């Protein structure tokens, strides 16, 4: 997954977050805008935050195995 974090100017959203998701090498989401924190049946609004936040994985209570998660910061091109 490629992720671009949302950007803020003070309390105001300057640009939303974007993601590109690859599954077995096939793009399933390409530069899709993220509208805020994810939740079931709600559209949450962004709240201003710093440039970095923790990575959180959802499991929905089912057994999940996760391996080979690599996080690498890419160069900013602003």
PDB file of N, CA and C in Angstrom:
ATOM      1  N   UNK A   1       0.847  -1.167   0.000  1.00  0.00           N
ATOM      2  CA  UNK A   1       0.000   0.000   0.000  1.00  0.00           C
ATOM      3  C   UNK A   1       0.893   1.230   0.000  1.00  0.00           C
ATOM      4  N   UNK A   2       0.530   2.184  -0.799  1.00  0.00           N
ATOM      5  CA  UNK A   2       1.177   3.493  -0.785  1.00  0.00           C
ATOM      6  C   UNK A   2       0.200   4.468  -0.156  1.00  0.00           C
ATOM      7  N   UNK A   3       0.678   5.250   0.793  1.00  0.00           N
ATOM      8  CA  UNK A   3      -0.191   6.147   1.552  1.00  0.00           C
ATOM      9  C   UNK A   3       0.396   7.541   1.563  1.00  0.00           C
ATOM     10  N   UNK A   4      -0.449   8.524   1.274  1.00  0.00           N
ATOM     11  CA  UNK A   4      -0.078   9.925   1.406  1.00  0.00           C
ATOM     12  C   UNK A   4      -0.922  10.492   2.529  1.00  0.00           C
ATOM     13  N   UNK A   5      -0.283  10.981   3.569  1.00  0.00           N
ATOM     14  CA  UNK A   5      -0.990  11.485   4.744  1.00  0.00           C
ATOM     15  C   UNK A   5      -1.732  12.774   4.408  1.00  0.00           C
ATOM     16  N   UNK A   6      -2.834  13.035   5.114  1.00  0.00           N
ATOM     17  CA  UNK A   6      -3.528  14.314   4.923  1.00  0.00           C
ATOM     18  C   UNK A   6      -2.647  15.455   5.418  1.00  0.00           C
ATOM     19  N   UNK A   7      -2.885  16.617   4.861  1.00  0.00           N
ATOM     20  CA  UNK A   7      -2.105  17.797   5.263  1.00  0.00           C
ATOM     21  C   UNK A   7      -3.043  18.858   5.813  1.00  0.00           C
ATOM     22  N   UNK A   8      -2.572  19.539   6.859  1.00  0.00           N
ATOM     23  CA  UNK A   8      -3.371  20.551   7.530  1.00  0.00           C
ATOM     24  C   UNK A   8      -2.617  21.875   7.546  1.00  0.00           C
ATOM     25  N   UNK A   9      -3.386  22.946   7.530  1.00  0.00           N
ATOM     26  CA  UNK A   9      -2.861  24.279   7.817  1.00  0.00           C
ATOM     27  C   UNK A   9      -3.581  24.734   9.070  1.00  0.00           C
ATOM     28  N   UNK A  10      -2.931  24.594  10.202  1.00  0.00           N
ATOM     29  CA  UNK A  10      -3.594  24.868  11.476  1.00  0.00           C
ATOM     30  C   UNK A  10      -4.701  23.858  11.698  1.00  0.00           C
ATOM     31  N   UNK A  11      -5.931  24.321  11.852  1.00  0.00           N
ATOM     32  CA  UNK A  11      -7.083  23.455  12.062  1.00  0.00           C
ATOM     33  C   UNK A  11      -7.782  23.071  10.757  1.00  0.00           C
ATOM     34  N   UNK A  12      -7.367  23.655   9.635  1.00  0.00           N
ATOM     35  CA  UNK A  12      -8.049  23.461   8.354  1.00  0.00           C
ATOM     36  C   UNK A  12      -7.365  22.376   7.519  1.00  0.00           C
ATOM     37  N   UNK A  13      -8.179  21.502   6.911  1.00  0.00           N
ATOM     38  CA  UNK A  13      -7.660  20.457   6.030  1.00  0.00           C
ATOM     39  C   UNK A  13      -7.192  21.091   4.717  1.00  0.00           C
ATOM     40  N   UNK A  14      -5.919  20.920   4.404  1.00  0.00           N
ATOM     41  CA  UNK A  14      -5.355  21.458   3.166  1.00  0.00           C
ATOM     42  C   UNK A  14      -5.488  20.439   2.034  1.00  0.00           C
ATOM     43  N   UNK A  15      -5.228  19.154   2.314  1.00  0.00           N
ATOM     44  CA  UNK A  15      -5.333  18.086   1.308  1.00  0.00           C
ATOM     45  C   UNK A  15      -5.677  16.789   2.027  1.00  0.00           C
ATOM     46  N   UNK A  16      -6.610  15.989   1.479  1.00  0.00           N
ATOM     47  CA  UNK A  16      -6.952  14.719   2.121  1.00  0.00           C
ATOM     48  C   UNK A  16      -5.835  13.702   1.967  1.00  0.00           C
ATOM     49  N   UNK A  17      -5.946  12.619   2.700  1.00  0.00           N
ATOM     50  CA  UNK A  17      -5.021  11.504   2.534  1.00  0.00           C
ATOM     51  C   UNK A  17      -5.404  10.699   1.297  1.00  0.00           C
ATOM     52  N   UNK A  18      -4.433  10.027   0.709  1.00  0.00           N
ATOM     53  CA  UNK A  18      -4.673   9.182  -0.467  1.00  0.00           C
ATOM     54  C   UNK A  18      -3.996   7.841  -0.253  1.00  0.00           C
ATOM     55  N   UNK A  19      -4.559   6.792  -0.872  1.00  0.00           N
ATOM     56  CA  UNK A  19      -3.937   5.481  -0.797  1.00  0.00           C
ATOM     57  C   UNK A  19      -4.007   4.778  -2.142  1.00  0.00           C
ATOM     58  N   UNK A  20      -2.981   3.990  -2.402  1.00  0.00           N
ATOM     59  CA  UNK A  20      -2.956   3.058  -3.520  1.00  0.00           C
ATOM     60  C   UNK A  20      -2.719   1.694  -2.906  1.00  0.00           C
ATOM     61  N   UNK A  21      -3.614   0.738  -3.186  1.00  0.00           N
ATOM     62  CA  UNK A  21      -3.529  -0.592  -2.589  1.00  0.00           C
ATOM     63  C   UNK A  21      -3.257  -1.615  -3.681  1.00  0.00           C
ATOM     64  N   UNK A  22      -2.225  -2.419  -3.460  1.00  0.00           N
ATOM     65  CA  UNK A  22      -1.880  -3.512  -4.370  1.00  0.00           C
ATOM     66  C   UNK A  22      -2.164  -4.827  -3.664  1.00  0.00           C
ATOM     67  N   UNK A  23      -2.830  -5.743  -4.351  1.00  0.00           N
ATOM     68  CA  UNK A  23      -3.100  -7.083  -3.810  1.00  0.00           C
ATOM     69  C   UNK A  23      -2.517  -8.085  -4.790  1.00  0.00           C
ATOM     70  N   UNK A  24      -1.504  -8.807  -4.345  1.00  0.00           N
ATOM     71  CA  UNK A  24      -0.784  -9.746  -5.221  1.00  0.00           C
ATOM     72  C   UNK A  24      -0.305  -9.053  -6.500  1.00  0.00           C
ATOM     73  N   UNK A  25       0.167  -7.826  -6.351  1.00  0.00           N
ATOM     74  CA  UNK A  25       0.727  -7.098  -7.483  1.00  0.00           C
ATOM     75  C   UNK A  25      -0.286  -6.415  -8.377  1.00  0.00           C
ATOM     76  N   UNK A  26      -1.575  -6.506  -8.057  1.00  0.00           N
ATOM     77  CA  UNK A  26      -2.636  -5.887  -8.864  1.00  0.00           C
ATOM     78  C   UNK A  26      -3.206  -4.705  -8.087  1.00  0.00           C
ATOM     79  N   UNK A  27      -3.298  -3.540  -8.725  1.00  0.00           N
ATOM     80  CA  UNK A  27      -3.853  -2.359  -8.071  1.00  0.00           C
ATOM     81  C   UNK A  27      -5.360  -2.535  -7.901  1.00  0.00           C
ATOM     82  N   UNK A  28      -5.827  -2.498  -6.646  1.00  0.00           N
ATOM     83  CA  UNK A  28      -7.256  -2.584  -6.383  1.00  0.00           C
ATOM     84  C   UNK A  28      -7.843  -1.230  -5.998  1.00  0.00           C
ATOM     85  N   UNK A  29      -7.002  -0.317  -5.545  1.00  0.00           N
ATOM     86  CA  UNK A  29      -7.376   1.082  -5.317  1.00  0.00           C
ATOM     87  C   UNK A  29      -6.199   1.910  -5.804  1.00  0.00           C
ATOM     88  N   UNK A  30      -6.463   2.889  -6.665  1.00  0.00           N
ATOM     89  CA  UNK A  30      -5.386   3.712  -7.201  1.00  0.00           C
ATOM     90  C   UNK A  30      -5.624   5.175  -6.846  1.00  0.00           C
ATOM     91  N   UNK A  31      -4.801   5.716  -5.977  1.00  0.00           N
ATOM     92  CA  UNK A  31      -4.855   7.115  -5.543  1.00  0.00           C
ATOM     93  C   UNK A  31      -6.262   7.480  -5.065  1.00  0.00           C
ATOM     94  N   UNK A  32      -6.844   6.616  -4.233  1.00  0.00           N
ATOM     95  CA  UNK A  32      -8.187   6.835  -3.699  1.00  0.00           C
ATOM     96  C   UNK A  32      -8.117   7.786  -2.515  1.00  0.00           C
ATOM     97  N   UNK A  33      -8.986   8.791  -2.517  1.00  0.00           N
ATOM     98  CA  UNK A  33      -9.023   9.749  -1.413  1.00  0.00           C
ATOM     99  C   UNK A  33      -9.595   9.080  -0.168  1.00  0.00           C
ATOM    100  N   UNK A  34      -9.009   9.382   0.972  1.00  0.00           N
ATOM    101  CA  UNK A  34      -9.503   8.892   2.255  1.00  0.00           C
ATOM    102  C   UNK A  34     -10.219  10.062   2.915  1.00  0.00           C
ATOM    103  N   UNK A  35     -11.462   9.857   3.317  1.00  0.00           N
ATOM    104  CA  UNK A  35     -12.297  10.949   3.794  1.00  0.00           C
ATOM    105  C   UNK A  35     -12.179  11.226   5.282  1.00  0.00           C
ATOM    106  N   UNK A  36     -11.397  10.438   5.996  1.00  0.00           N
ATOM    107  CA  UNK A  36     -11.217  10.611   7.434  1.00  0.00           C
ATOM    108  C   UNK A  36     -10.999   9.254   8.065  1.00  0.00           C
ATOM    109  N   UNK A  37     -11.009   9.171   9.393  1.00  0.00           N
ATOM    110  CA  UNK A  37     -10.843   7.882  10.061  1.00  0.00           C
ATOM    111  C   UNK A  37     -11.945   6.915   9.630  1.00  0.00           C
ATOM    112  N   UNK A  38     -11.622   5.645   9.521  1.00  0.00           N
ATOM    113  CA  UNK A  38     -12.610   4.660   9.090  1.00  0.00           C
ATOM    114  C   UNK A  38     -13.407   4.147  10.281  1.00  0.00           C
ATOM    115  N   UNK A  39     -14.685   3.931  10.064  1.00  0.00           N
ATOM    116  CA  UNK A  39     -15.577   3.383  11.087  1.00  0.00           C
ATOM    117  C   UNK A  39     -16.767   2.751  10.365  1.00  0.00           C
ATOM    118  N   UNK A  40     -17.473   1.891  11.060  1.00  0.00           N
ATOM    119  CA  UNK A  40     -18.613   1.198  10.467  1.00  0.00           C
ATOM    120  C   UNK A  40     -19.803   2.144  10.328  1.00  0.00           C
ATOM    121  N   UNK A  41     -20.302   2.302   9.121  1.00  0.00           N
ATOM    122  CA  UNK A  41     -21.517   3.064   8.801  1.00  0.00           C
ATOM    123  C   UNK A  41     -21.481   4.520   9.254  1.00  0.00           C
ATOM    124  N   UNK A  42     -20.327   5.125   9.275  1.00  0.00           N
ATOM    125  CA  UNK A  42     -20.240   6.544   9.595  1.00  0.00           C
ATOM    126  C   UNK A  42     -19.223   7.198   8.669  1.00  0.00           C
ATOM    127  N   UNK A  43     -19.402   8.476   8.452  1.00  0.00           N
ATOM    128  CA  UNK A  43     -18.417   9.266   7.718  1.00  0.00           C
ATOM    129  C   UNK A  43     -17.781  10.224   8.716  1.00  0.00           C
ATOM    130  N   UNK A  44     -16.648   9.840   9.220  1.00  0.00           N
ATOM    131  CA  UNK A  44     -15.942  10.676  10.187  1.00  0.00           C
ATOM    132  C   UNK A  44     -15.231  11.815   9.483  1.00  0.00           C
ATOM    133  N   UNK A  45     -15.039  12.890  10.193  1.00  0.00           N
ATOM    134  CA  UNK A  45     -14.314  14.042   9.674  1.00  0.00           C
ATOM    135  C   UNK A  45     -12.880  13.996  10.198  1.00  0.00           C
ATOM    136  N   UNK A  46     -11.965  14.540   9.397  1.00  0.00           N
ATOM    137  CA  UNK A  46     -10.586  14.646   9.851  1.00  0.00           C
ATOM    138  C   UNK A  46     -10.491  15.531  11.077  1.00  0.00           C
ATOM    139  N   UNK A  47      -9.575  15.182  11.948  1.00  0.00           N
ATOM    140  CA  UNK A  47      -9.186  16.042  13.057  1.00  0.00           C
ATOM    141  C   UNK A  47      -7.712  16.332  12.861  1.00  0.00           C
ATOM    142  N   UNK A  48      -7.302  17.576  12.995  1.00  0.00           N
ATOM    143  CA  UNK A  48      -5.890  17.904  12.783  1.00  0.00           C
ATOM    144  C   UNK A  48      -4.974  17.057  13.657  1.00  0.00           C
ATOM    145  N   UNK A  49      -3.857  16.620  13.047  1.00  0.00           N
ATOM    146  CA  UNK A  49      -2.873  15.820  13.772  1.00  0.00           C
ATOM    147  C   UNK A  49      -1.505  16.062  13.143  1.00  0.00           C
ATOM    148  N   UNK A  50      -0.496  15.559  13.785  1.00  0.00           N
ATOM    149  CA  UNK A  50       0.871  15.729  13.302  1.00  0.00           C
ATOM    150  C   UNK A  50       1.124  14.942  12.027  1.00  0.00           C
ATOM    151  N   UNK A  51       2.342  15.030  11.533  1.00  0.00           N
ATOM    152  CA  UNK A  51       2.699  14.370  10.279  1.00  0.00           C
ATOM    153  C   UNK A  51       2.711  12.853  10.391  1.00  0.00           C
ATOM    154  N   UNK A  52       2.978  12.317  11.575  1.00  0.00           N
ATOM    155  CA  UNK A  52       3.049  10.869  11.735  1.00  0.00           C
ATOM    156  C   UNK A  52       2.065  10.421  12.809  1.00  0.00           C
ATOM    157  N   UNK A  53       1.452   9.272  12.569  1.00  0.00           N
ATOM    158  CA  UNK A  53       0.528   8.667  13.529  1.00  0.00           C
ATOM    159  C   UNK A  53       0.782   7.164  13.515  1.00  0.00           C
ATOM    160  N   UNK A  54       0.284   6.431  14.498  1.00  0.00           N
ATOM    161  CA  UNK A  54       0.548   4.994  14.538  1.00  0.00           C
ATOM    162  C   UNK A  54      -0.174   4.237  13.420  1.00  0.00           C
ATOM    163  N   UNK A  55       0.409   3.126  13.007  1.00  0.00           N
ATOM    164  CA  UNK A  55      -0.214   2.209  12.057  1.00  0.00           C
ATOM    165  C   UNK A  55      -1.106   1.271  12.848  1.00  0.00           C
ATOM    166  N   UNK A  56      -2.362   1.123  12.415  1.00  0.00           N
ATOM    167  CA  UNK A  56      -3.295   0.249  13.111  1.00  0.00           C
ATOM    168  C   UNK A  56      -3.933  -0.696  12.096  1.00  0.00           C
ATOM    169  N   UNK A  57      -3.996  -1.980  12.423  1.00  0.00           N
ATOM    170  CA  UNK A  57      -4.583  -2.985  11.545  1.00  0.00           C
ATOM    171  C   UNK A  57      -5.912  -3.455  12.136  1.00  0.00           C
ATOM    172  N   UNK A  58      -6.914  -3.664  11.277  1.00  0.00           N
ATOM    173  CA  UNK A  58      -8.215  -4.133  11.728  1.00  0.00           C
ATOM    174  C   UNK A  58      -8.309  -5.642  11.576  1.00  0.00           C
ATOM    175  N   UNK A  59      -8.895  -6.321  12.564  1.00  0.00           N
ATOM    176  CA  UNK A  59      -9.050  -7.770  12.499  1.00  0.00           C
ATOM    177  C   UNK A  59     -10.511  -8.192  12.632  1.00  0.00           C
ATOM    178  N   UNK A  60     -11.395  -7.354  13.152  1.00  0.00           N
ATOM    179  CA  UNK A  60     -12.830  -7.632  13.300  1.00  0.00           C
ATOM    180  C   UNK A  60     -13.103  -8.876  14.130  1.00  0.00           C
ATOM    181  N   UNK A  61     -12.209  -9.228  15.050  1.00  0.00           N
ATOM    182  CA  UNK A  61     -12.417 -10.337  15.950  1.00  0.00           C
ATOM    183  C   UNK A  61     -12.126 -11.716  15.374  1.00  0.00           C
ATOM    184  N   UNK A  62     -11.746 -11.785  14.110  1.00  0.00           N
ATOM    185  CA  UNK A  62     -11.427 -13.065  13.484  1.00  0.00           C
ATOM    186  C   UNK A  62      -9.932 -13.344  13.606  1.00  0.00           C
ATOM    187  N   UNK A  63      -9.538 -14.631  13.579  1.00  0.00           N
ATOM    188  CA  UNK A  63      -8.110 -14.950  13.615  1.00  0.00           C
ATOM    189  C   UNK A  63      -7.409 -14.373  12.379  1.00  0.00           C
ATOM    190  N   UNK A  64      -6.312 -13.707  12.602  1.00  0.00           N
ATOM    191  CA  UNK A  64      -5.565 -13.068  11.514  1.00  0.00           C
ATOM    192  C   UNK A  64      -4.083 -13.331  11.719  1.00  0.00           C
ATOM    193  N   UNK A  65      -3.387 -13.630  10.641  1.00  0.00           N
ATOM    194  CA  UNK A  65      -1.933 -13.728  10.668  1.00  0.00           C
ATOM    195  C   UNK A  65      -1.374 -12.652   9.760  1.00  0.00           C
ATOM    196  N   UNK A  66      -0.407 -11.942  10.256  1.00  0.00           N
ATOM    197  CA  UNK A  66       0.197 -10.851   9.494  1.00  0.00           C
ATOM    198  C   UNK A  66       1.694 -11.091   9.461  1.00  0.00           C
ATOM    199  N   UNK A  67       2.296 -10.912   8.301  1.00  0.00           N
ATOM    200  CA  UNK A  67       3.744 -11.061   8.192  1.00  0.00           C
ATOM    201  C   UNK A  67       4.249 -10.134   7.091  1.00  0.00           C
ATOM    202  N   UNK A  68       5.514  -9.864   7.143  1.00  0.00           N
ATOM    203  CA  UNK A  68       6.182  -9.070   6.116  1.00  0.00           C
ATOM    204  C   UNK A  68       5.572  -7.692   5.920  1.00  0.00           C
ATOM    205  N   UNK A  69       5.323  -6.982   6.991  1.00  0.00           N
ATOM    206  CA  UNK A  69       4.880  -5.591   6.872  1.00  0.00           C
ATOM    207  C   UNK A  69       6.122  -4.725   6.972  1.00  0.00           C
ATOM    208  N   UNK A  70       6.385  -3.999   5.915  1.00  0.00           N
ATOM    209  CA  UNK A  70       7.534  -3.098   5.876  1.00  0.00           C
ATOM    210  C   UNK A  70       7.000  -1.686   5.752  1.00  0.00           C
ATOM    211  N   UNK A  71       7.528  -0.795   6.546  1.00  0.00           N
ATOM    212  CA  UNK A  71       7.139   0.609   6.458  1.00  0.00           C
ATOM    213  C   UNK A  71       8.376   1.392   6.052  1.00  0.00           C
ATOM    214  N   UNK A  72       8.250   2.115   4.973  1.00  0.00           N
ATOM    215  CA  UNK A  72       9.364   2.916   4.472  1.00  0.00           C
ATOM    216  C   UNK A  72       8.840   4.284   4.088  1.00  0.00           C
ATOM    217  N   UNK A  73       9.421   5.307   4.652  1.00  0.00           N
ATOM    218  CA  UNK A  73       9.018   6.676   4.332  1.00  0.00           C
ATOM    219  C   UNK A  73       9.568   7.035   2.954  1.00  0.00           C
ATOM    220  N   UNK A  74       8.692   7.502   2.083  1.00  0.00           N
ATOM    221  CA  UNK A  74       9.094   7.921   0.749  1.00  0.00           C
ATOM    222  C   UNK A  74       9.376   9.412   0.744  1.00  0.00           C
ATOM    223  N   UNK A  75      10.146   9.855  -0.204  1.00  0.00           N
ATOM    224  CA  UNK A  75      10.500  11.264  -0.313  1.00  0.00           C
ATOM    225  C   UNK A  75       9.266  12.089  -0.627  1.00  0.00           C
ATOM    226  N   UNK A  76       9.145  13.253   0.032  1.00  0.00           N
ATOM    227  CA  UNK A  76       8.051  14.180  -0.257  1.00  0.00           C
ATOM    228  C   UNK A  76       8.359  14.968  -1.513  1.00  0.00           C
ATOM    229  N   UNK A  77       7.358  15.156  -2.346  1.00  0.00           N
ATOM    230  CA  UNK A  77       7.534  15.892  -3.601  1.00  0.00           C
ATOM    231  C   UNK A  77       6.659  17.128  -3.653  1.00  0.00           C
ATOM    232  N   UNK A  78       6.608  17.903  -2.594  1.00  0.00           N
ATOM    233  CA  UNK A  78       5.810  19.139  -2.597  1.00  0.00           C
ATOM    234  C   UNK A  78       6.554  20.271  -3.246  1.00  0.00           C
TER     235      UNK A  78
END
